Amino acid sequence: MANQIKDPIQLQVKQKEMVKIIFDGWEVGMKKIPFVKLLNERASLSLTDAKKLKDRLVDDNEIVEIKVINENLAKEILKEAQKLKVKGKILFD
């Protein structure tokens, strides 16, 4: 087999480090529907997943996290979430 490669070279894809946003509470007057919409539109979660995350945070008092592709996006999402009376912080992997 003349076309057989003896020593294949493996290409490694450099993974970008994801940034975690930890949502750890909420304040009275939290805007639940806009929060779900924020997670759907900015964090690319499905509506179903965004609602489940909101339910876990609000109804079950869980600390929840999402991962996004970069620090700027994480800051934007957290800033908007805080306007909606959601408490959170950013962690780096």
PDB file of N, CA and C in Angstrom:
ATOM      1  N   MET A   1       0.840  -1.178   0.000  1.00  0.00           N
ATOM      2  CA  MET A   1       0.000   0.000   0.000  1.00  0.00           C
ATOM      3  C   MET A   1       0.883   1.239   0.000  1.00  0.00           C
ATOM      4  N   ALA A   2       1.048   1.812  -1.126  1.00  0.00           N
ATOM      5  CA  ALA A   2       1.944   2.948  -1.296  1.00  0.00           C
ATOM      6  C   ALA A   2       1.428   4.216  -0.639  1.00  0.00           C
ATOM      7  N   ASN A   3       0.115   4.352  -0.502  1.00  0.00           N
ATOM      8  CA  ASN A   3      -0.462   5.581   0.035  1.00  0.00           C
ATOM      9  C   ASN A   3      -0.638   5.551   1.551  1.00  0.00           C
ATOM     10  N   GLN A   4      -0.191   4.503   2.192  1.00  0.00           N
ATOM     11  CA  GLN A   4      -0.367   4.386   3.632  1.00  0.00           C
ATOM     12  C   GLN A   4       0.607   5.316   4.361  1.00  0.00           C
ATOM     13  N   ILE A   5       0.095   5.996   5.358  1.00  0.00           N
ATOM     14  CA  ILE A   5       0.921   6.913   6.144  1.00  0.00           C
ATOM     15  C   ILE A   5       1.470   6.137   7.335  1.00  0.00           C
ATOM     16  N   LYS A   6       2.788   6.133   7.480  1.00  0.00           N
ATOM     17  CA  LYS A   6       3.415   5.379   8.564  1.00  0.00           C
ATOM     18  C   LYS A   6       3.296   6.090   9.908  1.00  0.00           C
ATOM     19  N   ASP A   7       3.547   7.368   9.934  1.00  0.00           N
ATOM     20  CA  ASP A   7       3.515   8.135  11.173  1.00  0.00           C
ATOM     21  C   ASP A   7       2.523   9.287  11.034  1.00  0.00           C
ATOM     22  N   PRO A   8       1.240   9.027  11.285  1.00  0.00           N
ATOM     23  CA  PRO A   8       0.265  10.102  11.136  1.00  0.00           C
ATOM     24  C   PRO A   8       0.513  11.213  12.157  1.00  0.00           C
ATOM     25  N   ILE A   9       0.334  12.407  11.727  1.00  0.00           N
ATOM     26  CA  ILE A   9       0.496  13.569  12.599  1.00  0.00           C
ATOM     27  C   ILE A   9      -0.882  13.926  13.139  1.00  0.00           C
ATOM     28  N   GLN A  10      -0.976  14.019  14.429  1.00  0.00           N
ATOM     29  CA  GLN A  10      -2.252  14.372  15.032  1.00  0.00           C
ATOM     30  C   GLN A  10      -2.278  15.868  15.286  1.00  0.00           C
ATOM     31  N   LEU A  11      -3.315  16.468  14.814  1.00  0.00           N
ATOM     32  CA  LEU A  11      -3.483  17.904  15.050  1.00  0.00           C
ATOM     33  C   LEU A  11      -4.260  18.087  16.340  1.00  0.00           C
ATOM     34  N   GLN A  12      -3.759  18.921  17.175  1.00  0.00           N
ATOM     35  CA  GLN A  12      -4.451  19.196  18.418  1.00  0.00           C
ATOM     36  C   GLN A  12      -5.149  20.537  18.303  1.00  0.00           C
ATOM     37  N   VAL A  13      -6.406  20.530  18.637  1.00  0.00           N
ATOM     38  CA  VAL A  13      -7.184  21.758  18.620  1.00  0.00           C
ATOM     39  C   VAL A  13      -7.049  22.399  19.988  1.00  0.00           C
ATOM     40  N   LYS A  14      -6.593  23.604  19.971  1.00  0.00           N
ATOM     41  CA  LYS A  14      -6.441  24.327  21.231  1.00  0.00           C
ATOM     42  C   LYS A  14      -7.825  24.719  21.727  1.00  0.00           C
ATOM     43  N   GLN A  15      -8.163  24.206  22.898  1.00  0.00           N
ATOM     44  CA  GLN A  15      -9.463  24.529  23.462  1.00  0.00           C
ATOM     45  C   GLN A  15      -9.390  25.882  24.150  1.00  0.00           C
ATOM     46  N   LYS A  16     -10.393  26.665  23.900  1.00  0.00           N
ATOM     47  CA  LYS A  16     -10.483  27.942  24.596  1.00  0.00           C
ATOM     48  C   LYS A  16     -10.957  27.663  26.011  1.00  0.00           C
ATOM     49  N   GLU A  17     -10.433  28.410  26.931  1.00  0.00           N
ATOM     50  CA  GLU A  17     -10.868  28.244  28.305  1.00  0.00           C
ATOM     51  C   GLU A  17     -12.241  28.871  28.462  1.00  0.00           C
ATOM     52  N   MET A  18     -13.139  28.088  28.987  1.00  0.00           N
ATOM     53  CA  MET A  18     -14.492  28.566  29.216  1.00  0.00           C
ATOM     54  C   MET A  18     -14.518  29.363  30.521  1.00  0.00           C
ATOM     55  N   VAL A  19     -15.433  30.273  30.598  1.00  0.00           N
ATOM     56  CA  VAL A  19     -15.601  31.099  31.789  1.00  0.00           C
ATOM     57  C   VAL A  19     -16.919  30.705  32.437  1.00  0.00           C
ATOM     58  N   LYS A  20     -16.875  30.456  33.737  1.00  0.00           N
ATOM     59  CA  LYS A  20     -18.081  30.061  34.466  1.00  0.00           C
ATOM     60  C   LYS A  20     -18.735  31.284  35.093  1.00  0.00           C
ATOM     61  N   ILE A  21     -20.049  31.301  35.014  1.00  0.00           N
ATOM     62  CA  ILE A  21     -20.834  32.269  35.775  1.00  0.00           C
ATOM     63  C   ILE A  21     -21.596  31.456  36.808  1.00  0.00           C
ATOM     64  N   ILE A  22     -21.413  31.800  38.065  1.00  0.00           N
ATOM     65  CA  ILE A  22     -22.095  31.129  39.164  1.00  0.00           C
ATOM     66  C   ILE A  22     -23.230  32.039  39.616  1.00  0.00           C
ATOM     67  N   PHE A  23     -24.449  31.526  39.558  1.00  0.00           N
ATOM     68  CA  PHE A  23     -25.602  32.253  40.090  1.00  0.00           C
ATOM     69  C   PHE A  23     -25.907  31.627  41.443  1.00  0.00           C
ATOM     70  N   ASP A  24     -25.796  32.444  42.504  1.00  0.00           N
ATOM     71  CA  ASP A  24     -25.899  31.885  43.845  1.00  0.00           C
ATOM     72  C   ASP A  24     -27.017  32.480  44.694  1.00  0.00           C
ATOM     73  N   GLY A  25     -27.925  33.181  44.069  1.00  0.00           N
ATOM     74  CA  GLY A  25     -29.049  33.724  44.817  1.00  0.00           C
ATOM     75  C   GLY A  25     -29.815  34.752  44.008  1.00  0.00           C
ATOM     76  N   TRP A  26     -30.838  35.284  44.632  1.00  0.00           N
ATOM     77  CA  TRP A  26     -31.669  36.281  43.969  1.00  0.00           C
ATOM     78  C   TRP A  26     -32.287  37.173  45.030  1.00  0.00           C
ATOM     79  N   GLU A  27     -32.740  38.319  44.592  1.00  0.00           N
ATOM     80  CA  GLU A  27     -33.351  39.293  45.493  1.00  0.00           C
ATOM     81  C   GLU A  27     -34.850  39.361  45.231  1.00  0.00           C
ATOM     82  N   VAL A  28     -35.574  39.843  46.228  1.00  0.00           N
ATOM     83  CA  VAL A  28     -37.011  40.042  46.066  1.00  0.00           C
ATOM     84  C   VAL A  28     -37.237  40.969  44.883  1.00  0.00           C
ATOM     85  N   GLY A  29     -38.173  40.613  44.039  1.00  0.00           N
ATOM     86  CA  GLY A  29     -38.448  41.406  42.847  1.00  0.00           C
ATOM     87  C   GLY A  29     -37.689  40.930  41.621  1.00  0.00           C
ATOM     88  N   MET A  30     -37.026  39.781  41.747  1.00  0.00           N
ATOM     89  CA  MET A  30     -36.282  39.238  40.605  1.00  0.00           C
ATOM     90  C   MET A  30     -37.196  39.122  39.395  1.00  0.00           C
ATOM     91  N   LYS A  31     -36.671  39.494  38.247  1.00  0.00           N
ATOM     92  CA  LYS A  31     -37.426  39.429  36.995  1.00  0.00           C
ATOM     93  C   LYS A  31     -37.120  38.084  36.330  1.00  0.00           C
ATOM     94  N   LYS A  32     -38.001  37.115  36.586  1.00  0.00           N
ATOM     95  CA  LYS A  32     -37.755  35.728  36.180  1.00  0.00           C
ATOM     96  C   LYS A  32     -37.798  35.522  34.671  1.00  0.00           C
ATOM     97  N   ILE A  33     -38.815  36.035  34.021  1.00  0.00           N
ATOM     98  CA  ILE A  33     -38.941  35.821  32.569  1.00  0.00           C
ATOM     99  C   ILE A  33     -37.802  36.508  31.813  1.00  0.00           C
ATOM    100  N   PRO A  34     -37.464  37.763  32.126  1.00  0.00           N
ATOM    101  CA  PRO A  34     -36.305  38.362  31.452  1.00  0.00           C
ATOM    102  C   PRO A  34     -34.996  37.609  31.726  1.00  0.00           C
ATOM    103  N   PHE A  35     -34.865  36.994  32.914  1.00  0.00           N
ATOM    104  CA  PHE A  35     -33.670  36.208  33.218  1.00  0.00           C
ATOM    105  C   PHE A  35     -33.598  34.972  32.316  1.00  0.00           C
ATOM    106  N   VAL A  36     -34.721  34.293  32.149  1.00  0.00           N
ATOM    107  CA  VAL A  36     -34.773  33.133  31.246  1.00  0.00           C
ATOM    108  C   VAL A  36     -34.418  33.572  29.826  1.00  0.00           C
ATOM    109  N   LYS A  37     -34.973  34.701  29.408  1.00  0.00           N
ATOM    110  CA  LYS A  37     -34.689  35.219  28.064  1.00  0.00           C
ATOM    111  C   LYS A  37     -33.200  35.562  27.907  1.00  0.00           C
ATOM    112  N   LEU A  38     -32.596  36.149  28.934  1.00  0.00           N
ATOM    113  CA  LEU A  38     -31.168  36.469  28.921  1.00  0.00           C
ATOM    114  C   LEU A  38     -30.331  35.200  28.735  1.00  0.00           C
ATOM    115  N   LEU A  39     -30.644  34.165  29.491  1.00  0.00           N
ATOM    116  CA  LEU A  39     -29.901  32.906  29.384  1.00  0.00           C
ATOM    117  C   LEU A  39     -30.066  32.283  28.007  1.00  0.00           C
ATOM    118  N   ASN A  40     -31.260  32.392  27.466  1.00  0.00           N
ATOM    119  CA  ASN A  40     -31.539  31.839  26.141  1.00  0.00           C
ATOM    120  C   ASN A  40     -30.772  32.590  25.060  1.00  0.00           C
ATOM    121  N   GLU A  41     -30.847  33.896  25.085  1.00  0.00           N
ATOM    122  CA  GLU A  41     -30.277  34.702  24.005  1.00  0.00           C
ATOM    123  C   GLU A  41     -28.772  34.924  24.128  1.00  0.00           C
ATOM    124  N   ARG A  42     -28.281  35.153  25.320  1.00  0.00           N
ATOM    125  CA  ARG A  42     -26.865  35.515  25.472  1.00  0.00           C
ATOM    126  C   ARG A  42     -25.975  34.321  25.816  1.00  0.00           C
ATOM    127  N   ALA A  43     -26.524  33.346  26.559  1.00  0.00           N
ATOM    128  CA  ALA A  43     -25.714  32.185  26.953  1.00  0.00           C
ATOM    129  C   ALA A  43     -25.985  30.980  26.059  1.00  0.00           C
ATOM    130  N   SER A  44     -26.839  31.166  25.074  1.00  0.00           N
ATOM    131  CA  SER A  44     -27.157  30.117  24.095  1.00  0.00           C
ATOM    132  C   SER A  44     -27.747  28.856  24.721  1.00  0.00           C
ATOM    133  N   LEU A  45     -28.519  29.025  25.778  1.00  0.00           N
ATOM    134  CA  LEU A  45     -29.248  27.899  26.346  1.00  0.00           C
ATOM    135  C   LEU A  45     -30.598  27.801  25.656  1.00  0.00           C
ATOM    136  N   SER A  46     -31.118  26.598  25.554  1.00  0.00           N
ATOM    137  CA  SER A  46     -32.471  26.453  25.022  1.00  0.00           C
ATOM    138  C   SER A  46     -33.435  27.075  26.032  1.00  0.00           C
ATOM    139  N   LEU A  47     -34.624  27.411  25.587  1.00  0.00           N
ATOM    140  CA  LEU A  47     -35.610  27.968  26.517  1.00  0.00           C
ATOM    141  C   LEU A  47     -35.896  26.991  27.650  1.00  0.00           C
ATOM    142  N   THR A  48     -35.980  25.706  27.313  1.00  0.00           N
ATOM    143  CA  THR A  48     -36.246  24.680  28.320  1.00  0.00           C
ATOM    144  C   THR A  48     -35.133  24.649  29.364  1.00  0.00           C
ATOM    145  N   ASP A  49     -33.884  24.634  28.913  1.00  0.00           N
ATOM    146  CA  ASP A  49     -32.757  24.597  29.846  1.00  0.00           C
ATOM    147  C   ASP A  49     -32.657  25.884  30.658  1.00  0.00           C
ATOM    148  N   ALA A  50     -32.926  27.012  30.030  1.00  0.00           N
ATOM    149  CA  ALA A  50     -32.880  28.290  30.739  1.00  0.00           C
ATOM    150  C   ALA A  50     -33.934  28.333  31.843  1.00  0.00           C
ATOM    151  N   LYS A  51     -35.135  27.844  31.543  1.00  0.00           N
ATOM    152  CA  LYS A  51     -36.204  27.821  32.548  1.00  0.00           C
ATOM    153  C   LYS A  51     -35.864  26.858  33.680  1.00  0.00           C
ATOM    154  N   LYS A  52     -35.317  25.692  33.339  1.00  0.00           N
ATOM    155  CA  LYS A  52     -34.930  24.724  34.376  1.00  0.00           C
ATOM    156  C   LYS A  52     -33.874  25.321  35.302  1.00  0.00           C
ATOM    157  N   LEU A  53     -32.914  26.034  34.729  1.00  0.00           N
ATOM    158  CA  LEU A  53     -31.875  26.662  35.534  1.00  0.00           C
ATOM    159  C   LEU A  53     -32.481  27.710  36.460  1.00  0.00           C
ATOM    160  N   LYS A  54     -33.385  28.515  35.925  1.00  0.00           N
ATOM    161  CA  LYS A  54     -34.067  29.532  36.747  1.00  0.00           C
ATOM    162  C   LYS A  54     -34.862  28.872  37.862  1.00  0.00           C
ATOM    163  N   ASP A  55     -35.564  27.777  37.553  1.00  0.00           N
ATOM    164  CA  ASP A  55     -36.350  27.067  38.568  1.00  0.00           C
ATOM    165  C   ASP A  55     -35.460  26.505  39.672  1.00  0.00           C
ATOM    166  N   ARG A  56     -34.322  25.953  39.289  1.00  0.00           N
ATOM    167  CA  ARG A  56     -33.392  25.417  40.291  1.00  0.00           C
ATOM    168  C   ARG A  56     -32.882  26.531  41.201  1.00  0.00           C
ATOM    169  N   LEU A  57     -32.590  27.687  40.610  1.00  0.00           N
ATOM    170  CA  LEU A  57     -32.093  28.826  41.376  1.00  0.00           C
ATOM    171  C   LEU A  57     -33.163  29.371  42.315  1.00  0.00           C
ATOM    172  N   VAL A  58     -34.358  29.588  41.792  1.00  0.00           N
ATOM    173  CA  VAL A  58     -35.410  30.260  42.551  1.00  0.00           C
ATOM    174  C   VAL A  58     -36.193  29.293  43.438  1.00  0.00           C
ATOM    175  N   ASP A  59     -36.696  28.226  42.855  1.00  0.00           N
ATOM    176  CA  ASP A  59     -37.582  27.320  43.596  1.00  0.00           C
ATOM    177  C   ASP A  59     -36.827  26.375  44.523  1.00  0.00           C
ATOM    178  N   ASP A  60     -35.675  25.890  44.073  1.00  0.00           N
ATOM    179  CA  ASP A  60     -34.924  24.904  44.848  1.00  0.00           C
ATOM    180  C   ASP A  60     -33.759  25.510  45.625  1.00  0.00           C
ATOM    181  N   ASN A  61     -33.558  26.817  45.493  1.00  0.00           N
ATOM    182  CA  ASN A  61     -32.462  27.529  46.164  1.00  0.00           C
ATOM    183  C   ASN A  61     -31.099  26.887  45.916  1.00  0.00           C
ATOM    184  N   GLU A  62     -30.880  26.409  44.695  1.00  0.00           N
ATOM    185  CA  GLU A  62     -29.599  25.815  44.321  1.00  0.00           C
ATOM    186  C   GLU A  62     -28.646  26.890  43.804  1.00  0.00           C
ATOM    187  N   ILE A  63     -27.372  26.616  43.941  1.00  0.00           N
ATOM    188  CA  ILE A  63     -26.353  27.422  43.273  1.00  0.00           C
ATOM    189  C   ILE A  63     -26.156  26.776  41.911  1.00  0.00           C
ATOM    190  N   VAL A  64     -26.306  27.558  40.851  1.00  0.00           N
ATOM    191  CA  VAL A  64     -26.223  27.010  39.498  1.00  0.00           C
ATOM    192  C   VAL A  64     -25.110  27.711  38.729  1.00  0.00           C
ATOM    193  N   GLU A  65     -24.625  27.037  37.697  1.00  0.00           N
ATOM    194  CA  GLU A  65     -23.554  27.628  36.894  1.00  0.00           C
ATOM    195  C   GLU A  65     -23.811  27.404  35.416  1.00  0.00           C
ATOM    196  N   ILE A  66     -23.285  28.331  34.639  1.00  0.00           N
ATOM    197  CA  ILE A  66     -23.261  28.176  33.190  1.00  0.00           C
ATOM    198  C   ILE A  66     -21.838  28.470  32.736  1.00  0.00           C
ATOM    199  N   LYS A  67     -21.495  27.987  31.563  1.00  0.00           N
ATOM    200  CA  LYS A  67     -20.185  28.277  30.983  1.00  0.00           C
ATOM    201  C   LYS A  67     -20.391  29.031  29.682  1.00  0.00           C
ATOM    202  N   VAL A  68     -19.577  30.058  29.493  1.00  0.00           N
ATOM    203  CA  VAL A  68     -19.627  30.839  28.261  1.00  0.00           C
ATOM    204  C   VAL A  68     -18.220  30.923  27.675  1.00  0.00           C
ATOM    205  N   ILE A  69     -18.144  31.384  26.429  1.00  0.00           N
ATOM    206  CA  ILE A  69     -16.893  31.273  25.678  1.00  0.00           C
ATOM    207  C   ILE A  69     -15.810  32.280  26.036  1.00  0.00           C
ATOM    208  N   ASN A  70     -16.179  33.408  26.646  1.00  0.00           N
ATOM    209  CA  ASN A  70     -15.120  34.369  26.981  1.00  0.00           C
ATOM    210  C   ASN A  70     -15.525  35.278  28.135  1.00  0.00           C
ATOM    211  N   GLU A  71     -14.532  35.970  28.651  1.00  0.00           N
ATOM    212  CA  GLU A  71     -14.722  36.827  29.816  1.00  0.00           C
ATOM    213  C   GLU A  71     -15.665  37.993  29.540  1.00  0.00           C
ATOM    214  N   ASN A  72     -15.555  38.604  28.372  1.00  0.00           N
ATOM    215  CA  ASN A  72     -16.419  39.748  28.063  1.00  0.00           C
ATOM    216  C   ASN A  72     -17.885  39.349  28.057  1.00  0.00           C
ATOM    217  N   LEU A  73     -18.190  38.211  27.440  1.00  0.00           N
ATOM    218  CA  LEU A  73     -19.573  37.732  27.422  1.00  0.00           C
ATOM    219  C   LEU A  73     -20.041  37.430  28.838  1.00  0.00           C
ATOM    220  N   ALA A  74     -19.193  36.818  29.636  1.00  0.00           N
ATOM    221  CA  ALA A  74     -19.547  36.507  31.023  1.00  0.00           C
ATOM    222  C   ALA A  74     -19.869  37.782  31.798  1.00  0.00           C
ATOM    223  N   LYS A  75     -19.052  38.811  31.619  1.00  0.00           N
ATOM    224  CA  LYS A  75     -19.289  40.082  32.311  1.00  0.00           C
ATOM    225  C   LYS A  75     -20.606  40.710  31.879  1.00  0.00           C
ATOM    226  N   GLU A  76     -20.898  40.654  30.571  1.00  0.00           N
ATOM    227  CA  GLU A  76     -22.150  41.221  30.061  1.00  0.00           C
ATOM    228  C   GLU A  76     -23.354  40.486  30.638  1.00  0.00           C
ATOM    229  N   ILE A  77     -23.295  39.161  30.633  1.00  0.00           N
ATOM    230  CA  ILE A  77     -24.414  38.365  31.150  1.00  0.00           C
ATOM    231  C   ILE A  77     -24.607  38.630  32.635  1.00  0.00           C
ATOM    232  N   LEU A  78     -23.514  38.630  33.399  1.00  0.00           N
ATOM    233  CA  LEU A  78     -23.624  38.864  34.839  1.00  0.00           C
ATOM    234  C   LEU A  78     -24.171  40.256  35.129  1.00  0.00           C
ATOM    235  N   LYS A  79     -23.713  41.259  34.406  1.00  0.00           N
ATOM    236  CA  LYS A  79     -24.202  42.630  34.600  1.00  0.00           C
ATOM    237  C   LYS A  79     -25.709  42.707  34.352  1.00  0.00           C
ATOM    238  N   GLU A  80     -26.162  42.092  33.264  1.00  0.00           N
ATOM    239  CA  GLU A  80     -27.602  42.087  32.958  1.00  0.00           C
ATOM    240  C   GLU A  80     -28.383  41.305  34.008  1.00  0.00           C
ATOM    241  N   ALA A  81     -27.839  40.165  34.433  1.00  0.00           N
ATOM    242  CA  ALA A  81     -28.512  39.353  35.454  1.00  0.00           C
ATOM    243  C   ALA A  81     -28.651  40.138  36.756  1.00  0.00           C
ATOM    244  N   GLN A  82     -27.625  40.884  37.123  1.00  0.00           N
ATOM    245  CA  GLN A  82     -27.686  41.676  38.348  1.00  0.00           C
ATOM    246  C   GLN A  82     -28.748  42.767  38.256  1.00  0.00           C
ATOM    247  N   LYS A  83     -28.942  43.318  37.070  1.00  0.00           N
ATOM    248  CA  LYS A  83     -30.020  44.298  36.872  1.00  0.00           C
ATOM    249  C   LYS A  83     -31.384  43.649  37.085  1.00  0.00           C
ATOM    250  N   LEU A  84     -31.448  42.337  36.828  1.00  0.00           N
ATOM    251  CA  LEU A  84     -32.694  41.581  36.993  1.00  0.00           C
ATOM    252  C   LEU A  84     -32.819  41.013  38.407  1.00  0.00           C
ATOM    253  N   LYS A  85     -31.909  41.434  39.293  1.00  0.00           N
ATOM    254  CA  LYS A  85     -31.885  41.050  40.708  1.00  0.00           C
ATOM    255  C   LYS A  85     -31.478  39.596  40.935  1.00  0.00           C
ATOM    256  N   VAL A  86     -30.535  39.141  40.117  1.00  0.00           N
ATOM    257  CA  VAL A  86     -29.942  37.819  40.296  1.00  0.00           C
ATOM    258  C   VAL A  86     -28.525  38.025  40.816  1.00  0.00           C
ATOM    259  N   LYS A  87     -28.161  37.290  41.858  1.00  0.00           N
ATOM    260  CA  LYS A  87     -26.823  37.390  42.440  1.00  0.00           C
ATOM    261  C   LYS A  87     -25.899  36.387  41.768  1.00  0.00           C
ATOM    262  N   GLY A  88     -24.660  36.791  41.538  1.00  0.00           N
ATOM    263  CA  GLY A  88     -23.730  35.871  40.906  1.00  0.00           C
ATOM    264  C   GLY A  88     -22.313  36.384  40.903  1.00  0.00           C
ATOM    265  N   LYS A  89     -21.429  35.552  40.340  1.00  0.00           N
ATOM    266  CA  LYS A  89     -20.015  35.906  40.226  1.00  0.00           C
ATOM    267  C   LYS A  89     -19.418  35.130  39.062  1.00  0.00           C
ATOM    268  N   ILE A  90     -18.244  35.553  38.648  1.00  0.00           N
ATOM    269  CA  ILE A  90     -17.543  34.917  37.527  1.00  0.00           C
ATOM    270  C   ILE A  90     -16.351  34.141  38.075  1.00  0.00           C
ATOM    271  N   LEU A  91     -16.165  32.924  37.553  1.00  0.00           N
ATOM    272  CA  LEU A  91     -14.999  32.098  37.880  1.00  0.00           C
ATOM    273  C   LEU A  91     -14.312  31.703  36.590  1.00  0.00           C
ATOM    274  N   PHE A  92     -13.003  31.603  36.638  1.00  0.00           N
ATOM    275  CA  PHE A  92     -12.237  31.198  35.463  1.00  0.00           C
ATOM    276  C   PHE A  92     -11.730  29.786  35.667  1.00  0.00           C
ATOM    277  N   ASP A  93     -11.800  28.962  34.612  1.00  0.00           N
ATOM    278  CA  ASP A  93     -11.285  27.579  34.686  1.00  0.00           C
ATOM    279  C   ASP A  93      -9.782  27.580  34.740  1.00  0.00           C
TER     280      ASP A  93
END
